[in-house]
Amino acid sequence: MTDKYRPLKDAFGRFVTGIVVATCKDADGKLIAITVNSFTSVSLEPPLVLWCLDNRASTYSAFMGADSYGISILRADQRTESDRFARYAGPPVTEAEVEYWNSGSPILKDRLAGFDCKVVARHDAGDHVILVGEVTKFDSAEGEPLIYFASNYIPDSE
């Protein structure tokens, strides 16, 4: 099956991005995680970040119903985690892998940086929704980020 969007995806893929995992709890309290490369800072005052979620994602309803979410920036050695949460309805995140900060949203314990975010806006944008969050707490550590370019990790170690 040919992907009619492949040329556009290839062009978008020429922009280097980092990789994060967005996390929340659904209405039943189940832990939800998805790999994201559309994360960016928006504002320092107030501290705002955003990321984009595909309307067809298995995690869509959970994030649309959540009033907060966690963002965990992945380290260069966390490709396995990125691949795991990039799958449609992939293996779930577990309680042993997360911690909770101000909002009560899960944040991966193992990360390069973390952000606890309260949802302040959602904007429909084509086949995605833009989730804007106000950062209520954050941390960061030394290390190298997981980098994505042209549909591949850099360096491509696997």
C-alpha atoms as a PDB file:
ATOM      1  CA  MET A   1       0.000   0.000   0.000  1.00  0.00           C
ATOM      2  CA  THR A   2       1.432   3.341  -1.041  1.00  0.00           C
ATOM      3  CA  ASP A   3       1.485   6.184   1.460  1.00  0.00           C
ATOM      4  CA  LYS A   4       0.290   9.232  -0.478  1.00  0.00           C
ATOM      5  CA  TYR A   5       1.731  11.448   2.275  1.00  0.00           C
ATOM      6  CA  ARG A   6       5.262   9.958   2.096  1.00  0.00           C
ATOM      7  CA  PRO A   7       6.743  12.885   0.074  1.00  0.00           C
ATOM      8  CA  LEU A   8       5.355  15.426   2.556  1.00  0.00           C
ATOM      9  CA  LYS A   9       6.484  13.315   5.522  1.00  0.00           C
ATOM     10  CA  ASP A  10       9.952  13.108   3.962  1.00  0.00           C
ATOM     11  CA  ALA A  11      10.086  16.900   3.623  1.00  0.00           C
ATOM     12  CA  PHE A  12       8.885  17.425   7.215  1.00  0.00           C
ATOM     13  CA  GLY A  13      11.438  14.841   8.317  1.00  0.00           C
ATOM     14  CA  ARG A  14      14.291  17.101   7.215  1.00  0.00           C
ATOM     15  CA  PHE A  15      13.757  19.063  10.428  1.00  0.00           C
ATOM     16  CA  VAL A  16      15.737  17.507  13.280  1.00  0.00           C
ATOM     17  CA  THR A  17      13.675  16.854  16.412  1.00  0.00           C
ATOM     18  CA  GLY A  18      14.123  15.448  19.836  1.00  0.00           C
ATOM     19  CA  ILE A  19      11.871  12.722  21.164  1.00  0.00           C
ATOM     20  CA  VAL A  20       9.580  12.935  24.179  1.00  0.00           C
ATOM     21  CA  VAL A  21       7.011  10.666  25.753  1.00  0.00           C
ATOM     22  CA  ALA A  22       3.720  12.319  26.737  1.00  0.00           C
ATOM     23  CA  THR A  23       1.859  10.632  29.596  1.00  0.00           C
ATOM     24  CA  CYS A  24      -1.473  10.962  31.347  1.00  0.00           C
ATOM     25  CA  LYS A  25      -4.127   8.894  33.074  1.00  0.00           C
ATOM     26  CA  ASP A  26      -7.370   8.068  31.291  1.00  0.00           C
ATOM     27  CA  ALA A  27     -10.839   8.347  32.848  1.00  0.00           C
ATOM     28  CA  ASP A  28     -10.425   4.889  34.418  1.00  0.00           C
ATOM     29  CA  GLY A  29      -7.031   5.746  35.939  1.00  0.00           C
ATOM     30  CA  LYS A  30      -5.076   3.690  33.388  1.00  0.00           C
ATOM     31  CA  LEU A  31      -1.585   4.977  32.535  1.00  0.00           C
ATOM     32  CA  ILE A  32      -1.286   6.233  28.951  1.00  0.00           C
ATOM     33  CA  ALA A  33       1.904   7.031  27.003  1.00  0.00           C
ATOM     34  CA  ILE A  34       2.742   8.099  23.460  1.00  0.00           C
ATOM     35  CA  THR A  35       5.983   8.995  21.686  1.00  0.00           C
ATOM     36  CA  VAL A  36       6.004  12.542  20.328  1.00  0.00           C
ATOM     37  CA  ASN A  37       8.437  14.547  18.196  1.00  0.00           C
ATOM     38  CA  SER A  38       6.249  17.665  17.840  1.00  0.00           C
ATOM     39  CA  PHE A  39       7.078  19.024  21.320  1.00  0.00           C
ATOM     40  CA  THR A  40       8.219  22.646  21.645  1.00  0.00           C
ATOM     41  CA  SER A  41       8.429  25.467  24.130  1.00  0.00           C
ATOM     42  CA  VAL A  42       5.979  28.315  23.588  1.00  0.00           C
ATOM     43  CA  SER A  43       6.402  30.900  26.346  1.00  0.00           C
ATOM     44  CA  LEU A  44       8.483  31.638  29.430  1.00  0.00           C
ATOM     45  CA  GLU A  45       5.867  33.797  31.163  1.00  0.00           C
ATOM     46  CA  PRO A  46       3.735  31.899  31.736  1.00  0.00           C
ATOM     47  CA  PRO A  47       5.819  28.789  31.052  1.00  0.00           C
ATOM     48  CA  LEU A  48       3.999  27.041  28.194  1.00  0.00           C
ATOM     49  CA  VAL A  49       4.783  24.044  25.995  1.00  0.00           C
ATOM     50  CA  LEU A  50       2.873  22.337  23.209  1.00  0.00           C
ATOM     51  CA  TRP A  51       2.748  19.092  21.296  1.00  0.00           C
ATOM     52  CA  CYS A  52       0.519  17.667  18.598  1.00  0.00           C
ATOM     53  CA  LEU A  53      -1.602  14.524  18.755  1.00  0.00           C
ATOM     54  CA  ASP A  54      -3.003  12.657  15.748  1.00  0.00           C
ATOM     55  CA  ASN A  55      -6.807  12.405  15.874  1.00  0.00           C
ATOM     56  CA  ARG A  56      -6.481   8.686  15.055  1.00  0.00           C
ATOM     57  CA  ALA A  57      -4.008   7.881  17.844  1.00  0.00           C
ATOM     58  CA  SER A  58      -5.061   5.125  20.243  1.00  0.00           C
ATOM     59  CA  THR A  59      -4.337   7.584  23.071  1.00  0.00           C
ATOM     60  CA  TYR A  60      -6.457  10.403  21.619  1.00  0.00           C
ATOM     61  CA  SER A  61      -9.494  10.091  23.908  1.00  0.00           C
ATOM     62  CA  ALA A  62      -7.337   9.797  27.025  1.00  0.00           C
ATOM     63  CA  PHE A  63      -5.414  13.006  26.297  1.00  0.00           C
ATOM     64  CA  MET A  64      -8.569  14.835  25.223  1.00  0.00           C
ATOM     65  CA  GLY A  65     -10.171  13.959  28.565  1.00  0.00           C
ATOM     66  CA  ALA A  66      -7.127  14.706  30.733  1.00  0.00           C
ATOM     67  CA  ASP A  67      -6.680  18.079  32.420  1.00  0.00           C
ATOM     68  CA  SER A  68      -2.924  17.554  32.742  1.00  0.00           C
ATOM     69  CA  TYR A  69      -0.079  15.557  31.240  1.00  0.00           C
ATOM     70  CA  GLY A  70       3.579  14.783  31.765  1.00  0.00           C
ATOM     71  CA  ILE A  71       6.364  15.223  29.227  1.00  0.00           C
ATOM     72  CA  SER A  72       9.594  13.234  29.484  1.00  0.00           C
ATOM     73  CA  ILE A  73      12.456  14.136  27.148  1.00  0.00           C
ATOM     74  CA  LEU A  74      14.295  10.959  26.203  1.00  0.00           C
ATOM     75  CA  ARG A  75      18.044  10.381  26.385  1.00  0.00           C
ATOM     76  CA  ALA A  76      20.092   9.029  23.472  1.00  0.00           C
ATOM     77  CA  ASP A  77      20.045   5.549  25.054  1.00  0.00           C
ATOM     78  CA  GLN A  78      16.232   5.398  25.251  1.00  0.00           C
ATOM     79  CA  ARG A  79      15.390   4.367  21.694  1.00  0.00           C
ATOM     80  CA  THR A  80      13.614   1.262  23.021  1.00  0.00           C
ATOM     81  CA  GLU A  81      11.213   3.448  25.014  1.00  0.00           C
ATOM     82  CA  SER A  82      10.595   5.675  21.996  1.00  0.00           C
ATOM     83  CA  ASP A  83       9.798   2.690  19.783  1.00  0.00           C
ATOM     84  CA  ARG A  84       7.633   1.105  22.477  1.00  0.00           C
ATOM     85  CA  PHE A  85       5.307   4.082  22.908  1.00  0.00           C
ATOM     86  CA  ALA A  86       5.262   4.929  19.185  1.00  0.00           C
ATOM     87  CA  ARG A  87       3.254   1.799  18.406  1.00  0.00           C
ATOM     88  CA  TYR A  88      -0.492   2.077  17.986  1.00  0.00           C
ATOM     89  CA  ALA A  89      -1.843   0.580  21.233  1.00  0.00           C
ATOM     90  CA  GLY A  90       1.669  -0.556  22.186  1.00  0.00           C
ATOM     91  CA  PRO A  91       2.736  -2.014  25.535  1.00  0.00           C
ATOM     92  CA  PRO A  92       1.410   0.119  28.394  1.00  0.00           C
ATOM     93  CA  VAL A  93       3.548   2.175  30.721  1.00  0.00           C
ATOM     94  CA  THR A  94       3.680   0.704  34.238  1.00  0.00           C
ATOM     95  CA  GLU A  95       3.483   2.239  37.710  1.00  0.00           C
ATOM     96  CA  ALA A  96       7.099   1.176  38.334  1.00  0.00           C
ATOM     97  CA  GLU A  97       8.231   3.396  35.437  1.00  0.00           C
ATOM     98  CA  VAL A  98       6.589   6.652  36.551  1.00  0.00           C
ATOM     99  CA  GLU A  99       6.440   9.191  39.319  1.00  0.00           C
ATOM    100  CA  TYR A 100       3.860  11.852  40.062  1.00  0.00           C
ATOM    101  CA  TRP A 101       4.328  15.565  40.633  1.00  0.00           C
ATOM    102  CA  ASN A 102       1.927  18.506  41.166  1.00  0.00           C
ATOM    103  CA  SER A 103      -0.804  17.603  38.686  1.00  0.00           C
ATOM    104  CA  GLY A 104      -0.949  13.905  39.439  1.00  0.00           C
ATOM    105  CA  SER A 105      -0.006  13.046  35.850  1.00  0.00           C
ATOM    106  CA  PRO A 106       2.605  10.339  35.395  1.00  0.00           C
ATOM    107  CA  ILE A 107       6.129  11.315  34.325  1.00  0.00           C
ATOM    108  CA  LEU A 108       8.732   8.736  33.343  1.00  0.00           C
ATOM    109  CA  LYS A 109      11.308   8.264  36.099  1.00  0.00           C
ATOM    110  CA  ASP A 110      14.021   7.607  33.537  1.00  0.00           C
ATOM    111  CA  ARG A 111      14.406  10.780  31.424  1.00  0.00           C
ATOM    112  CA  LEU A 112      16.675  13.610  30.356  1.00  0.00           C
ATOM    113  CA  ALA A 113      14.151  16.245  31.456  1.00  0.00           C
ATOM    114  CA  GLY A 114      10.587  16.251  32.719  1.00  0.00           C
ATOM    115  CA  PHE A 115       7.655  18.666  32.663  1.00  0.00           C
ATOM    116  CA  ASP A 116       4.434  18.484  34.637  1.00  0.00           C
ATOM    117  CA  CYS A 117       1.794  20.359  32.641  1.00  0.00           C
ATOM    118  CA  LYS A 118      -1.735  21.603  33.212  1.00  0.00           C
ATOM    119  CA  VAL A 119      -3.733  21.761  29.960  1.00  0.00           C
ATOM    120  CA  VAL A 120      -4.606  25.368  29.130  1.00  0.00           C
ATOM    121  CA  ALA A 121      -5.745  24.990  25.503  1.00  0.00           C
ATOM    122  CA  ARG A 122      -6.518  22.509  22.781  1.00  0.00           C
ATOM    123  CA  HIS A 123      -6.628  23.631  19.155  1.00  0.00           C
ATOM    124  CA  ASP A 124      -7.960  21.563  16.272  1.00  0.00           C
ATOM    125  CA  ALA A 125      -5.440  21.646  13.442  1.00  0.00           C
ATOM    126  CA  GLY A 126      -6.232  19.443  10.446  1.00  0.00           C
ATOM    127  CA  ASP A 127      -5.878  15.783  11.411  1.00  0.00           C
ATOM    128  CA  HIS A 128      -4.206  16.667  14.724  1.00  0.00           C
ATOM    129  CA  VAL A 129      -4.979  18.559  17.906  1.00  0.00           C
ATOM    130  CA  ILE A 130      -2.444  20.926  19.480  1.00  0.00           C
ATOM    131  CA  LEU A 131      -2.255  20.521  23.260  1.00  0.00           C
ATOM    132  CA  VAL A 132      -0.879  23.554  25.094  1.00  0.00           C
ATOM    133  CA  GLY A 133       0.182  23.043  28.675  1.00  0.00           C
ATOM    134  CA  GLU A 134       1.366  25.331  31.446  1.00  0.00           C
ATOM    135  CA  VAL A 135       4.466  23.920  33.121  1.00  0.00           C
ATOM    136  CA  THR A 136       3.873  23.609  36.869  1.00  0.00           C
ATOM    137  CA  LYS A 137       7.130  21.784  37.653  1.00  0.00           C
ATOM    138  CA  PHE A 138      10.172  20.660  35.677  1.00  0.00           C
ATOM    139  CA  ASP A 139      13.614  19.143  36.019  1.00  0.00           C
ATOM    140  CA  SER A 140      16.583  18.349  33.815  1.00  0.00           C
ATOM    141  CA  ALA A 141      19.736  16.262  33.917  1.00  0.00           C
ATOM    142  CA  GLU A 142      22.997  16.101  32.006  1.00  0.00           C
ATOM    143  CA  GLY A 143      23.124  13.793  29.016  1.00  0.00           C
ATOM    144  CA  GLU A 144      22.644  13.445  25.282  1.00  0.00           C
ATOM    145  CA  PRO A 145      19.142  13.642  23.729  1.00  0.00           C
ATOM    146  CA  LEU A 146      17.497  11.075  21.506  1.00  0.00           C
ATOM    147  CA  ILE A 147      17.448  12.712  18.060  1.00  0.00           C
ATOM    148  CA  TYR A 148      15.214  11.963  15.072  1.00  0.00           C
ATOM    149  CA  PHE A 149      15.887  12.956  11.461  1.00  0.00           C
ATOM    150  CA  ALA A 150      14.473  11.694   8.141  1.00  0.00           C
ATOM    151  CA  SER A 151      12.529   8.893   9.879  1.00  0.00           C
ATOM    152  CA  ASN A 152      15.646   7.594  11.629  1.00  0.00           C
ATOM    153  CA  TYR A 153      17.340   8.008  14.979  1.00  0.00           C
ATOM    154  CA  ILE A 154      20.728   9.737  15.039  1.00  0.00           C
ATOM    155  CA  PRO A 155      23.025   8.061  15.393  1.00  0.00           C
ATOM    156  CA  ASP A 156      21.249   5.004  14.045  1.00  0.00           C
ATOM    157  CA  SER A 157      22.692   2.581  16.572  1.00  0.00           C
ATOM    158  CA  GLU A 158      20.389  -0.363  15.777  1.00  0.00           C
END
